[in-house]
PDB file of N, CA and C in Angstrom:
ATOM      1  N   MET A   1      -6.707 -20.768   2.374  1.00  0.00           N
ATOM      2  CA  MET A   1      -6.469 -19.432   1.842  1.00  0.00           C
ATOM      3  C   MET A   1      -5.026 -19.378   1.343  1.00  0.00           C
ATOM      4  N   THR A   2      -4.836 -18.887   0.127  1.00  0.00           N
ATOM      5  CA  THR A   2      -3.492 -18.827  -0.445  1.00  0.00           C
ATOM      6  C   THR A   2      -2.737 -17.612   0.082  1.00  0.00           C
ATOM      7  N   ALA A   3      -1.409 -17.662  -0.103  1.00  0.00           N
ATOM      8  CA  ALA A   3      -0.569 -16.548   0.356  1.00  0.00           C
ATOM      9  C   ALA A   3      -0.914 -15.272  -0.396  1.00  0.00           C
ATOM     10  N   ASP A   4      -1.197 -15.386  -1.699  1.00  0.00           N
ATOM     11  CA  ASP A   4      -1.544 -14.198  -2.482  1.00  0.00           C
ATOM     12  C   ASP A   4      -2.843 -13.578  -1.998  1.00  0.00           C
ATOM     13  N   THR A   5      -3.817 -14.402  -1.653  1.00  0.00           N
ATOM     14  CA  THR A   5      -5.093 -13.891  -1.149  1.00  0.00           C
ATOM     15  C   THR A   5      -4.889 -13.171   0.181  1.00  0.00           C
ATOM     16  N   ARG A   6      -4.096 -13.741   1.058  1.00  0.00           N
ATOM     17  CA  ARG A   6      -3.830 -13.118   2.355  1.00  0.00           C
ATOM     18  C   ARG A   6      -3.091 -11.803   2.170  1.00  0.00           C
ATOM     19  N   ARG A   7      -2.112 -11.802   1.268  1.00  0.00           N
ATOM     20  CA  ARG A   7      -1.344 -10.582   0.974  1.00  0.00           C
ATOM     21  C   ARG A   7      -2.264  -9.497   0.429  1.00  0.00           C
ATOM     22  N   ASP A   8      -3.182  -9.878  -0.442  1.00  0.00           N
ATOM     23  CA  ASP A   8      -4.128  -8.904  -0.997  1.00  0.00           C
ATOM     24  C   ASP A   8      -5.045  -8.340   0.085  1.00  0.00           C
ATOM     25  N   GLN A   9      -5.443  -9.164   1.036  1.00  0.00           N
ATOM     26  CA  GLN A   9      -6.293  -8.688   2.123  1.00  0.00           C
ATOM     27  C   GLN A   9      -5.546  -7.706   3.014  1.00  0.00           C
ATOM     28  N   VAL A  10      -4.280  -8.006   3.307  1.00  0.00           N
ATOM     29  CA  VAL A  10      -3.473  -7.097   4.122  1.00  0.00           C
ATOM     30  C   VAL A  10      -3.301  -5.774   3.386  1.00  0.00           C
ATOM     31  N   ALA A  11      -2.988  -5.843   2.086  1.00  0.00           N
ATOM     32  CA  ALA A  11      -2.818  -4.620   1.292  1.00  0.00           C
ATOM     33  C   ALA A  11      -4.119  -3.821   1.240  1.00  0.00           C
ATOM     34  N   GLY A  12      -5.241  -4.494   1.073  1.00  0.00           N
ATOM     35  CA  GLY A  12      -6.532  -3.807   1.014  1.00  0.00           C
ATOM     36  C   GLY A  12      -6.873  -3.087   2.307  1.00  0.00           C
ATOM     37  N   LYS A  13      -6.607  -3.732   3.437  1.00  0.00           N
ATOM     38  CA  LYS A  13      -6.864  -3.083   4.731  1.00  0.00           C
ATOM     39  C   LYS A  13      -5.947  -1.881   4.919  1.00  0.00           C
ATOM     40  N   ALA A  14      -4.698  -2.010   4.470  1.00  0.00           N
ATOM     41  CA  ALA A  14      -3.753  -0.893   4.584  1.00  0.00           C
ATOM     42  C   ALA A  14      -4.218   0.282   3.733  1.00  0.00           C
ATOM     43  N   VAL A  15      -4.690   0.015   2.525  1.00  0.00           N
ATOM     44  CA  VAL A  15      -5.173   1.081   1.639  1.00  0.00           C
ATOM     45  C   VAL A  15      -6.353   1.809   2.266  1.00  0.00           C
ATOM     46  N   GLU A  16      -7.301   1.071   2.806  1.00  0.00           N
ATOM     47  CA  GLU A  16      -8.454   1.706   3.452  1.00  0.00           C
ATOM     48  C   GLU A  16      -8.010   2.593   4.605  1.00  0.00           C
ATOM     49  N   ALA A  17      -7.047   2.121   5.383  1.00  0.00           N
ATOM     50  CA  ALA A  17      -6.556   2.908   6.516  1.00  0.00           C
ATOM     51  C   ALA A  17      -5.866   4.180   6.052  1.00  0.00           C
ATOM     52  N   VAL A  18      -5.036   4.072   5.020  1.00  0.00           N
ATOM     53  CA  VAL A  18      -4.290   5.233   4.511  1.00  0.00           C
ATOM     54  C   VAL A  18      -5.240   6.277   3.940  1.00  0.00           C
ATOM     55  N   ARG A  19      -6.232   5.852   3.203  1.00  0.00           N
ATOM     56  CA  ARG A  19      -7.166   6.802   2.580  1.00  0.00           C
ATOM     57  C   ARG A  19      -7.970   7.591   3.596  1.00  0.00           C
ATOM     58  N   GLY A  20      -8.084   7.087   4.812  1.00  0.00           N
ATOM     59  CA  GLY A  20      -8.828   7.789   5.843  1.00  0.00           C
ATOM     60  C   GLY A  20      -8.014   8.801   6.637  1.00  0.00           C
ATOM     61  N   VAL A  21      -6.723   8.911   6.342  1.00  0.00           N
ATOM     62  CA  VAL A  21      -5.855   9.828   7.102  1.00  0.00           C
ATOM     63  C   VAL A  21      -5.902  11.219   6.468  1.00  0.00           C
ATOM     64  N   PRO A  22      -6.200  12.254   7.255  1.00  0.00           N
ATOM     65  CA  PRO A  22      -6.185  13.620   6.713  1.00  0.00           C
ATOM     66  C   PRO A  22      -4.780  13.989   6.244  1.00  0.00           C
ATOM     67  N   GLY A  23      -4.715  14.630   5.092  1.00  0.00           N
ATOM     68  CA  GLY A  23      -3.434  15.049   4.548  1.00  0.00           C
ATOM     69  C   GLY A  23      -2.923  14.156   3.430  1.00  0.00           C
ATOM     70  N   VAL A  24      -3.510  12.967   3.275  1.00  0.00           N
ATOM     71  CA  VAL A  24      -3.105  12.070   2.190  1.00  0.00           C
ATOM     72  C   VAL A  24      -3.948  12.413   0.963  1.00  0.00           C
ATOM     73  N   ALA A  25      -3.268  12.823  -0.116  1.00  0.00           N
ATOM     74  CA  ALA A  25      -3.992  13.139  -1.351  1.00  0.00           C
ATOM     75  C   ALA A  25      -4.357  11.846  -2.084  1.00  0.00           C
ATOM     76  N   PHE A  26      -3.361  10.987  -2.301  1.00  0.00           N
ATOM     77  CA  PHE A  26      -3.590   9.700  -2.955  1.00  0.00           C
ATOM     78  C   PHE A  26      -2.368   8.821  -2.801  1.00  0.00           C
ATOM     79  N   LEU A  27      -2.564   7.535  -3.068  1.00  0.00           N
ATOM     80  CA  LEU A  27      -1.457   6.592  -3.079  1.00  0.00           C
ATOM     81  C   LEU A  27      -0.777   6.664  -4.439  1.00  0.00           C
ATOM     82  N   ARG A  28       0.525   6.602  -4.442  1.00  0.00           N
ATOM     83  CA  ARG A  28       1.308   6.761  -5.664  1.00  0.00           C
ATOM     84  C   ARG A  28       1.745   5.399  -6.180  1.00  0.00           C
ATOM     85  N   PRO A  29       1.269   4.987  -7.353  1.00  0.00           N
ATOM     86  CA  PRO A  29       1.720   3.708  -7.901  1.00  0.00           C
ATOM     87  C   PRO A  29       3.182   3.786  -8.327  1.00  0.00           C
ATOM     88  N   GLY A  30       3.891   2.675  -8.184  1.00  0.00           N
ATOM     89  CA  GLY A  30       5.275   2.597  -8.615  1.00  0.00           C
ATOM     90  C   GLY A  30       5.363   2.203 -10.075  1.00  0.00           C
ATOM     91  N   VAL A  31       6.562   2.160 -10.607  1.00  0.00           N
ATOM     92  CA  VAL A  31       6.781   1.795 -12.011  1.00  0.00           C
ATOM     93  C   VAL A  31       6.236   0.401 -12.317  1.00  0.00           C
ATOM     94  N   PRO A  32       6.490  -0.619 -11.466  1.00  0.00           N
ATOM     95  CA  PRO A  32       5.920  -1.938 -11.780  1.00  0.00           C
ATOM     96  C   PRO A  32       4.398  -1.925 -11.861  1.00  0.00           C
ATOM     97  N   ASP A  33       3.758  -1.134 -10.989  1.00  0.00           N
ATOM     98  CA  ASP A  33       2.292  -1.035 -11.026  1.00  0.00           C
ATOM     99  C   ASP A  33       1.819  -0.405 -12.325  1.00  0.00           C
ATOM    100  N   LEU A  34       2.518   0.637 -12.762  1.00  0.00           N
ATOM    101  CA  LEU A  34       2.138   1.311 -14.005  1.00  0.00           C
ATOM    102  C   LEU A  34       2.345   0.400 -15.210  1.00  0.00           C
ATOM    103  N   LEU A  35       3.463  -0.319 -15.231  1.00  0.00           N
ATOM    104  CA  LEU A  35       3.725  -1.234 -16.337  1.00  0.00           C
ATOM    105  C   LEU A  35       2.727  -2.382 -16.354  1.00  0.00           C
ATOM    106  N   ARG A  36       2.410  -2.904 -15.190  1.00  0.00           N
ATOM    107  CA  ARG A  36       1.442  -3.999 -15.110  1.00  0.00           C
ATOM    108  C   ARG A  36       0.098  -3.559 -15.659  1.00  0.00           C
ATOM    109  N   THR A  37      -0.307  -2.335 -15.355  1.00  0.00           N
ATOM    110  CA  THR A  37      -1.571  -1.801 -15.848  1.00  0.00           C
ATOM    111  C   THR A  37      -1.545  -1.664 -17.362  1.00  0.00           C
ATOM    112  N   ARG A  38      -0.459  -1.137 -17.907  1.00  0.00           N
ATOM    113  CA  ARG A  38      -0.356  -0.965 -19.357  1.00  0.00           C
ATOM    114  C   ARG A  38      -0.387  -2.306 -20.083  1.00  0.00           C
ATOM    115  N   ILE A  39       0.323  -3.293 -19.563  1.00  0.00           N
ATOM    116  CA  ILE A  39       0.359  -4.611 -20.195  1.00  0.00           C
ATOM    117  C   ILE A  39      -1.005  -5.282 -20.096  1.00  0.00           C
ATOM    118  N   ALA A  40      -1.639  -5.175 -18.934  1.00  0.00           N
ATOM    119  CA  ALA A  40      -2.951  -5.797 -18.743  1.00  0.00           C
ATOM    120  C   ALA A  40      -3.989  -5.184 -19.679  1.00  0.00           C
ATOM    121  N   ASP A  41      -3.858  -3.886 -19.978  1.00  0.00           N
ATOM    122  CA  ASP A  41      -4.802  -3.233 -20.885  1.00  0.00           C
ATOM    123  C   ASP A  41      -4.654  -3.730 -22.316  1.00  0.00           C
ATOM    124  N   ARG A  42      -3.447  -4.141 -22.690  1.00  0.00           N
ATOM    125  CA  ARG A  42      -3.177  -4.527 -24.078  1.00  0.00           C
ATOM    126  C   ARG A  42      -3.295  -6.015 -24.355  1.00  0.00           C
ATOM    127  N   THR A  43      -3.207  -6.826 -23.349  1.00  0.00           N
ATOM    128  CA  THR A  43      -3.240  -8.269 -23.559  1.00  0.00           C
ATOM    129  C   THR A  43      -4.464  -8.877 -22.901  1.00  0.00           C
ATOM    130  N   GLN A  44      -4.888  -9.976 -23.468  1.00  0.00           N
ATOM    131  CA  GLN A  44      -6.003 -10.695 -22.883  1.00  0.00           C
ATOM    132  C   GLN A  44      -5.450 -11.591 -21.785  1.00  0.00           C
ATOM    133  N   ARG A  45      -6.073 -11.563 -20.624  1.00  0.00           N
ATOM    134  CA  ARG A  45      -5.596 -12.360 -19.496  1.00  0.00           C
ATOM    135  C   ARG A  45      -6.027 -13.802 -19.639  1.00  0.00           C
ATOM    136  N   ARG A  46      -5.048 -14.681 -19.573  1.00  0.00           N
ATOM    137  CA  ARG A  46      -5.358 -16.117 -19.604  1.00  0.00           C
ATOM    138  C   ARG A  46      -5.463 -16.671 -18.192  1.00  0.00           C
ATOM    139  N   ALA A  47      -4.695 -16.079 -17.294  1.00  0.00           N
ATOM    140  CA  ALA A  47      -4.710 -16.513 -15.891  1.00  0.00           C
ATOM    141  C   ALA A  47      -4.759 -15.263 -15.023  1.00  0.00           C
ATOM    142  N   PRO A  48      -5.308 -15.370 -13.847  1.00  0.00           N
ATOM    143  CA  PRO A  48      -5.349 -14.195 -12.972  1.00  0.00           C
ATOM    144  C   PRO A  48      -3.941 -13.770 -12.562  1.00  0.00           C
ATOM    145  N   LEU A  49      -3.755 -12.464 -12.396  1.00  0.00           N
ATOM    146  CA  LEU A  49      -2.477 -11.950 -11.919  1.00  0.00           C
ATOM    147  C   LEU A  49      -2.286 -12.340 -10.472  1.00  0.00           C
ATOM    148  N   THR A  50      -1.051 -12.614 -10.103  1.00  0.00           N
ATOM    149  CA  THR A  50      -0.755 -12.936  -8.715  1.00  0.00           C
ATOM    150  C   THR A  50       0.155 -11.871  -8.148  1.00  0.00           C
ATOM    151  N   GLY A  51       0.277 -11.850  -6.849  1.00  0.00           N
ATOM    152  CA  GLY A  51       1.160 -10.889  -6.212  1.00  0.00           C
ATOM    153  C   GLY A  51       0.412  -9.628  -5.829  1.00  0.00           C
ATOM    154  N   ASN A  52       1.177  -8.578  -5.561  1.00  0.00           N
ATOM    155  CA  ASN A  52       0.592  -7.307  -5.135  1.00  0.00           C
ATOM    156  C   ASN A  52      -0.189  -6.675  -6.273  1.00  0.00           C
ATOM    157  N   ARG A  53      -1.454  -6.369  -6.008  1.00  0.00           N
ATOM    158  CA  ARG A  53      -2.308  -5.742  -7.021  1.00  0.00           C
ATOM    159  C   ARG A  53      -2.771  -4.371  -6.577  1.00  0.00           C
ATOM    160  N   THR A  54      -2.235  -3.862  -5.489  1.00  0.00           N
ATOM    161  CA  THR A  54      -2.688  -2.604  -4.938  1.00  0.00           C
ATOM    162  C   THR A  54      -1.662  -1.519  -5.216  1.00  0.00           C
ATOM    163  N   PRO A  55      -1.919  -0.629  -6.171  1.00  0.00           N
ATOM    164  CA  PRO A  55      -0.947   0.440  -6.458  1.00  0.00           C
ATOM    165  C   PRO A  55      -0.691   1.312  -5.238  1.00  0.00           C
ATOM    166  N   GLY A  56       0.578   1.598  -4.994  1.00  0.00           N
ATOM    167  CA  GLY A  56       0.952   2.440  -3.873  1.00  0.00           C
ATOM    168  C   GLY A  56       1.272   1.681  -2.607  1.00  0.00           C
ATOM    169  N   VAL A  57       0.916   0.400  -2.551  1.00  0.00           N
ATOM    170  CA  VAL A  57       1.211  -0.425  -1.373  1.00  0.00           C
ATOM    171  C   VAL A  57       1.851  -1.722  -1.842  1.00  0.00           C
ATOM    172  N   ARG A  58       3.031  -1.993  -1.311  1.00  0.00           N
ATOM    173  CA  ARG A  58       3.709  -3.264  -1.599  1.00  0.00           C
ATOM    174  C   ARG A  58       3.803  -4.028  -0.286  1.00  0.00           C
ATOM    175  N   VAL A  59       3.449  -5.289  -0.342  1.00  0.00           N
ATOM    176  CA  VAL A  59       3.420  -6.123   0.859  1.00  0.00           C
ATOM    177  C   VAL A  59       4.348  -7.305   0.661  1.00  0.00           C
ATOM    178  N   GLY A  60       5.198  -7.533   1.650  1.00  0.00           N
ATOM    179  CA  GLY A  60       6.096  -8.678   1.635  1.00  0.00           C
ATOM    180  C   GLY A  60       5.997  -9.417   2.953  1.00  0.00           C
ATOM    181  N   ARG A  61       6.601 -10.572   2.997  1.00  0.00           N
ATOM    182  CA  ARG A  61       6.512 -11.404   4.202  1.00  0.00           C
ATOM    183  C   ARG A  61       7.917 -11.757   4.678  1.00  0.00           C
ATOM    184  N   ASP A  62       8.188 -11.572   5.958  1.00  0.00           N
ATOM    185  CA  ASP A  62       9.417 -12.006   6.612  1.00  0.00           C
ATOM    186  C   ASP A  62       9.065 -13.140   7.562  1.00  0.00           C
ATOM    187  N   GLU A  63      10.088 -13.665   8.237  1.00  0.00           N
ATOM    188  CA  GLU A  63       9.834 -14.728   9.206  1.00  0.00           C
ATOM    189  C   GLU A  63       8.899 -14.262  10.318  1.00  0.00           C
ATOM    190  N   GLY A  64       9.040 -13.000  10.718  1.00  0.00           N
ATOM    191  CA  GLY A  64       8.262 -12.493  11.838  1.00  0.00           C
ATOM    192  C   GLY A  64       6.899 -11.932  11.479  1.00  0.00           C
ATOM    193  N   GLY A  65       6.672 -11.583  10.235  1.00  0.00           N
ATOM    194  CA  GLY A  65       5.390 -10.992   9.865  1.00  0.00           C
ATOM    195  C   GLY A  65       5.465 -10.228   8.563  1.00  0.00           C
ATOM    196  N   TRP A  66       4.548  -9.294   8.402  1.00  0.00           N
ATOM    197  CA  TRP A  66       4.402  -8.553   7.152  1.00  0.00           C
ATOM    198  C   TRP A  66       5.301  -7.317   7.126  1.00  0.00           C
ATOM    199  N   ARG A  67       5.796  -6.992   5.928  1.00  0.00           N
ATOM    200  CA  ARG A  67       6.507  -5.745   5.657  1.00  0.00           C
ATOM    201  C   ARG A  67       5.655  -4.962   4.674  1.00  0.00           C
ATOM    202  N   LEU A  68       5.329  -3.726   5.009  1.00  0.00           N
ATOM    203  CA  LEU A  68       4.522  -2.888   4.127  1.00  0.00           C
ATOM    204  C   LEU A  68       5.338  -1.695   3.675  1.00  0.00           C
ATOM    205  N   ASP A  69       5.294  -1.411   2.389  1.00  0.00           N
ATOM    206  CA  ASP A  69       5.948  -0.243   1.803  1.00  0.00           C
ATOM    207  C   ASP A  69       4.844   0.590   1.157  1.00  0.00           C
ATOM    208  N   ILE A  70       4.618   1.781   1.695  1.00  0.00           N
ATOM    209  CA  ILE A  70       3.512   2.639   1.254  1.00  0.00           C
ATOM    210  C   ILE A  70       4.087   3.903   0.636  1.00  0.00           C
ATOM    211  N   ARG A  71       3.646   4.218  -0.585  1.00  0.00           N
ATOM    212  CA  ARG A  71       4.059   5.444  -1.276  1.00  0.00           C
ATOM    213  C   ARG A  71       2.826   6.316  -1.440  1.00  0.00           C
ATOM    214  N   LEU A  72       2.950   7.576  -0.980  1.00  0.00           N
ATOM    215  CA  LEU A  72       1.788   8.450  -1.031  1.00  0.00           C
ATOM    216  C   LEU A  72       2.178   9.875  -1.390  1.00  0.00           C
ATOM    217  N   VAL A  73       1.177  10.651  -1.760  1.00  0.00           N
ATOM    218  CA  VAL A  73       1.333  12.069  -2.070  1.00  0.00           C
ATOM    219  C   VAL A  73       0.522  12.850  -1.041  1.00  0.00           C
ATOM    220  N   LEU A  74       1.150  13.894  -0.491  1.00  0.00           N
ATOM    221  CA  LEU A  74       0.515  14.722   0.533  1.00  0.00           C
ATOM    222  C   LEU A  74      -0.306  15.844  -0.078  1.00  0.00           C
ATOM    223  N   ARG A  75      -1.264  16.308   0.697  1.00  0.00           N
ATOM    224  CA  ARG A  75      -1.982  17.540   0.353  1.00  0.00           C
ATOM    225  C   ARG A  75      -1.166  18.714   0.875  1.00  0.00           C
ATOM    226  N   ARG A  76      -1.132  19.779   0.107  1.00  0.00           N
ATOM    227  CA  ARG A  76      -0.399  20.979   0.498  1.00  0.00           C
ATOM    228  C   ARG A  76      -0.936  21.504   1.826  1.00  0.00           C
ATOM    229  N   GLY A  77      -0.020  21.972   2.672  1.00  0.00           N
ATOM    230  CA  GLY A  77      -0.413  22.526   3.953  1.00  0.00           C
ATOM    231  C   GLY A  77      -0.331  21.536   5.107  1.00  0.00           C
ATOM    232  N   HIS A  78      -0.007  20.288   4.820  1.00  0.00           N
ATOM    233  CA  HIS A  78       0.122  19.277   5.868  1.00  0.00           C
ATOM    234  C   HIS A  78       1.588  18.945   6.080  1.00  0.00           C
ATOM    235  N   GLN A  79       1.965  18.683   7.309  1.00  0.00           N
ATOM    236  CA  GLN A  79       3.343  18.328   7.628  1.00  0.00           C
ATOM    237  C   GLN A  79       3.579  16.852   7.323  1.00  0.00           C
ATOM    238  N   ALA A  80       4.649  16.591   6.588  1.00  0.00           N
ATOM    239  CA  ALA A  80       4.953  15.220   6.187  1.00  0.00           C
ATOM    240  C   ALA A  80       5.131  14.301   7.392  1.00  0.00           C
ATOM    241  N   LEU A  81       5.851  14.756   8.399  1.00  0.00           N
ATOM    242  CA  LEU A  81       6.102  13.910   9.568  1.00  0.00           C
ATOM    243  C   LEU A  81       4.807  13.554  10.286  1.00  0.00           C
ATOM    244  N   ALA A  82       3.946  14.526  10.481  1.00  0.00           N
ATOM    245  CA  ALA A  82       2.679  14.276  11.178  1.00  0.00           C
ATOM    246  C   ALA A  82       1.799  13.306  10.387  1.00  0.00           C
ATOM    247  N   VAL A  83       1.760  13.485   9.058  1.00  0.00           N
ATOM    248  CA  VAL A  83       0.928  12.608   8.231  1.00  0.00           C
ATOM    249  C   VAL A  83       1.484  11.194   8.207  1.00  0.00           C
ATOM    250  N   THR A  84       2.799  11.044   8.070  1.00  0.00           N
ATOM    251  CA  THR A  84       3.369   9.693   8.027  1.00  0.00           C
ATOM    252  C   THR A  84       3.187   8.970   9.361  1.00  0.00           C
ATOM    253  N   ARG A  85       3.285   9.688  10.459  1.00  0.00           N
ATOM    254  CA  ARG A  85       3.021   9.065  11.764  1.00  0.00           C
ATOM    255  C   ARG A  85       1.559   8.625  11.864  1.00  0.00           C
ATOM    256  N   ALA A  86       0.659   9.470  11.389  1.00  0.00           N
ATOM    257  CA  ALA A  86      -0.763   9.122  11.417  1.00  0.00           C
ATOM    258  C   ALA A  86      -1.052   7.926  10.509  1.00  0.00           C
ATOM    259  N   VAL A  87      -0.391   7.873   9.352  1.00  0.00           N
ATOM    260  CA  VAL A  87      -0.567   6.738   8.434  1.00  0.00           C
ATOM    261  C   VAL A  87      -0.084   5.459   9.099  1.00  0.00           C
ATOM    262  N   GLN A  88       1.081   5.510   9.709  1.00  0.00           N
ATOM    263  CA  GLN A  88       1.608   4.313  10.369  1.00  0.00           C
ATOM    264  C   GLN A  88       0.665   3.833  11.472  1.00  0.00           C
ATOM    265  N   ALA A  89       0.173   4.755  12.295  1.00  0.00           N
ATOM    266  CA  ALA A  89      -0.755   4.390  13.367  1.00  0.00           C
ATOM    267  C   ALA A  89      -2.043   3.796  12.800  1.00  0.00           C
ATOM    268  N   ALA A  90      -2.559   4.382  11.717  1.00  0.00           N
ATOM    269  CA  ALA A  90      -3.802   3.892  11.113  1.00  0.00           C
ATOM    270  C   ALA A  90      -3.622   2.490  10.527  1.00  0.00           C
ATOM    271  N   VAL A  91      -2.493   2.266   9.869  1.00  0.00           N
ATOM    272  CA  VAL A  91      -2.237   0.951   9.269  1.00  0.00           C
ATOM    273  C   VAL A  91      -2.102  -0.107  10.353  1.00  0.00           C
ATOM    274  N   LEU A  92      -1.339   0.188  11.394  1.00  0.00           N
ATOM    275  CA  LEU A  92      -1.184  -0.786  12.479  1.00  0.00           C
ATOM    276  C   LEU A  92      -2.514  -1.058  13.184  1.00  0.00           C
ATOM    277  N   ALA A  93      -3.351  -0.030  13.330  1.00  0.00           N
ATOM    278  CA  ALA A  93      -4.660  -0.217  13.949  1.00  0.00           C
ATOM    279  C   ALA A  93      -5.593  -1.037  13.061  1.00  0.00           C
ATOM    280  N   ALA A  94      -5.419  -0.941  11.739  1.00  0.00           N
ATOM    281  CA  ALA A  94      -6.270  -1.685  10.804  1.00  0.00           C
ATOM    282  C   ALA A  94      -5.884  -3.162  10.720  1.00  0.00           C
ATOM    283  N   LEU A  95      -4.706  -3.490  11.216  1.00  0.00           N
ATOM    284  CA  LEU A  95      -4.217  -4.871  11.139  1.00  0.00           C
ATOM    285  C   LEU A  95      -3.873  -5.417  12.531  1.00  0.00           C
ATOM    286  N   PRO A  96      -4.829  -5.393  13.466  1.00  0.00           N
ATOM    287  CA  PRO A  96      -4.490  -5.820  14.828  1.00  0.00           C
ATOM    288  C   PRO A  96      -4.169  -7.309  14.948  1.00  0.00           C
ATOM    289  N   GLU A  97      -4.764  -8.122  14.080  1.00  0.00           N
ATOM    290  CA  GLU A  97      -4.566  -9.571  14.170  1.00  0.00           C
ATOM    291  C   GLU A  97      -3.365 -10.050  13.363  1.00  0.00           C
ATOM    292  N   GLU A  98      -2.737  -9.155  12.619  1.00  0.00           N
ATOM    293  CA  GLU A  98      -1.607  -9.520  11.770  1.00  0.00           C
ATOM    294  C   GLU A  98      -0.286  -9.118  12.417  1.00  0.00           C
ATOM    295  N   PRO A  99       0.719  -9.979  12.356  1.00  0.00           N
ATOM    296  CA  PRO A  99       2.040  -9.591  12.846  1.00  0.00           C
ATOM    297  C   PRO A  99       2.744  -8.703  11.813  1.00  0.00           C
ATOM    298  N   VAL A 100       2.862  -7.417  12.103  1.00  0.00           N
ATOM    299  CA  VAL A 100       3.494  -6.475  11.176  1.00  0.00           C
ATOM    300  C   VAL A 100       4.901  -6.175  11.685  1.00  0.00           C
ATOM    301  N   VAL A 101       5.893  -6.457  10.846  1.00  0.00           N
ATOM    302  CA  VAL A 101       7.281  -6.231  11.219  1.00  0.00           C
ATOM    303  C   VAL A 101       7.656  -4.774  10.988  1.00  0.00           C
ATOM    304  N   SER A 102       7.296  -4.240   9.816  1.00  0.00           N
ATOM    305  CA  SER A 102       7.653  -2.854   9.519  1.00  0.00           C
ATOM    306  C   SER A 102       6.647  -2.227   8.565  1.00  0.00           C
ATOM    307  N   VAL A 103       6.511  -0.912   8.729  1.00  0.00           N
ATOM    308  CA  VAL A 103       5.708  -0.111   7.813  1.00  0.00           C
ATOM    309  C   VAL A 103       6.613   1.035   7.360  1.00  0.00           C
ATOM    310  N   ARG A 104       7.004   1.010   6.088  1.00  0.00           N
ATOM    311  CA  ARG A 104       7.849   2.063   5.535  1.00  0.00           C
ATOM    312  C   ARG A 104       6.961   2.962   4.680  1.00  0.00           C
ATOM    313  N   ILE A 105       7.020   4.266   4.964  1.00  0.00           N
ATOM    314  CA  ILE A 105       6.178   5.229   4.251  1.00  0.00           C
ATOM    315  C   ILE A 105       7.083   6.205   3.519  1.00  0.00           C
ATOM    316  N   THR A 106       6.822   6.378   2.234  1.00  0.00           N
ATOM    317  CA  THR A 106       7.590   7.305   1.416  1.00  0.00           C
ATOM    318  C   THR A 106       6.647   8.359   0.855  1.00  0.00           C
ATOM    319  N   VAL A 107       6.953   9.622   1.115  1.00  0.00           N
ATOM    320  CA  VAL A 107       6.187  10.716   0.548  1.00  0.00           C
ATOM    321  C   VAL A 107       6.849  11.074  -0.786  1.00  0.00           C
ATOM    322  N   THR A 108       6.096  10.936  -1.875  1.00  0.00           N
ATOM    323  CA  THR A 108       6.657  11.136  -3.208  1.00  0.00           C
ATOM    324  C   THR A 108       6.323  12.502  -3.814  1.00  0.00           C
ATOM    325  N   GLY A 109       5.443  13.257  -3.167  1.00  0.00           N
ATOM    326  CA  GLY A 109       5.094  14.558  -3.713  1.00  0.00           C
ATOM    327  C   GLY A 109       4.072  15.278  -2.865  1.00  0.00           C
ATOM    328  N   VAL A 110       3.808  16.518  -3.265  1.00  0.00           N
ATOM    329  CA  VAL A 110       2.817  17.343  -2.583  1.00  0.00           C
ATOM    330  C   VAL A 110       1.947  18.002  -3.650  1.00  0.00           C
ATOM    331  N   VAL A 111       0.638  17.950  -3.445  1.00  0.00           N
ATOM    332  CA  VAL A 111      -0.290  18.608  -4.380  1.00  0.00           C
ATOM    333  C   VAL A 111      -1.210  19.553  -3.633  1.00  0.00           C
TER     334      VAL A 111
END
């Protein structure tokens, strides 16, 4: 199994966990995700894209384990602190077999 495949699996499990948390409206793609989408729409792919392919979740690797950076938008009426704590707990529960070093959650908006 390649590192990119493993990274994609970790990101996919994190996305599923985040989407199940009450108060999360959606994951917010970053600028690189938006640019990658625009370029991919205009050009024919000769080789598969590598790296993080999950908008709103960036996954990196340290010596000790995985680093996850999650960007999300809250639903109005929910407390940011309570939702981010629930997201962190859900992500860690979804990855019991993986060594996770850190989960950083950024709330980018409220809808």
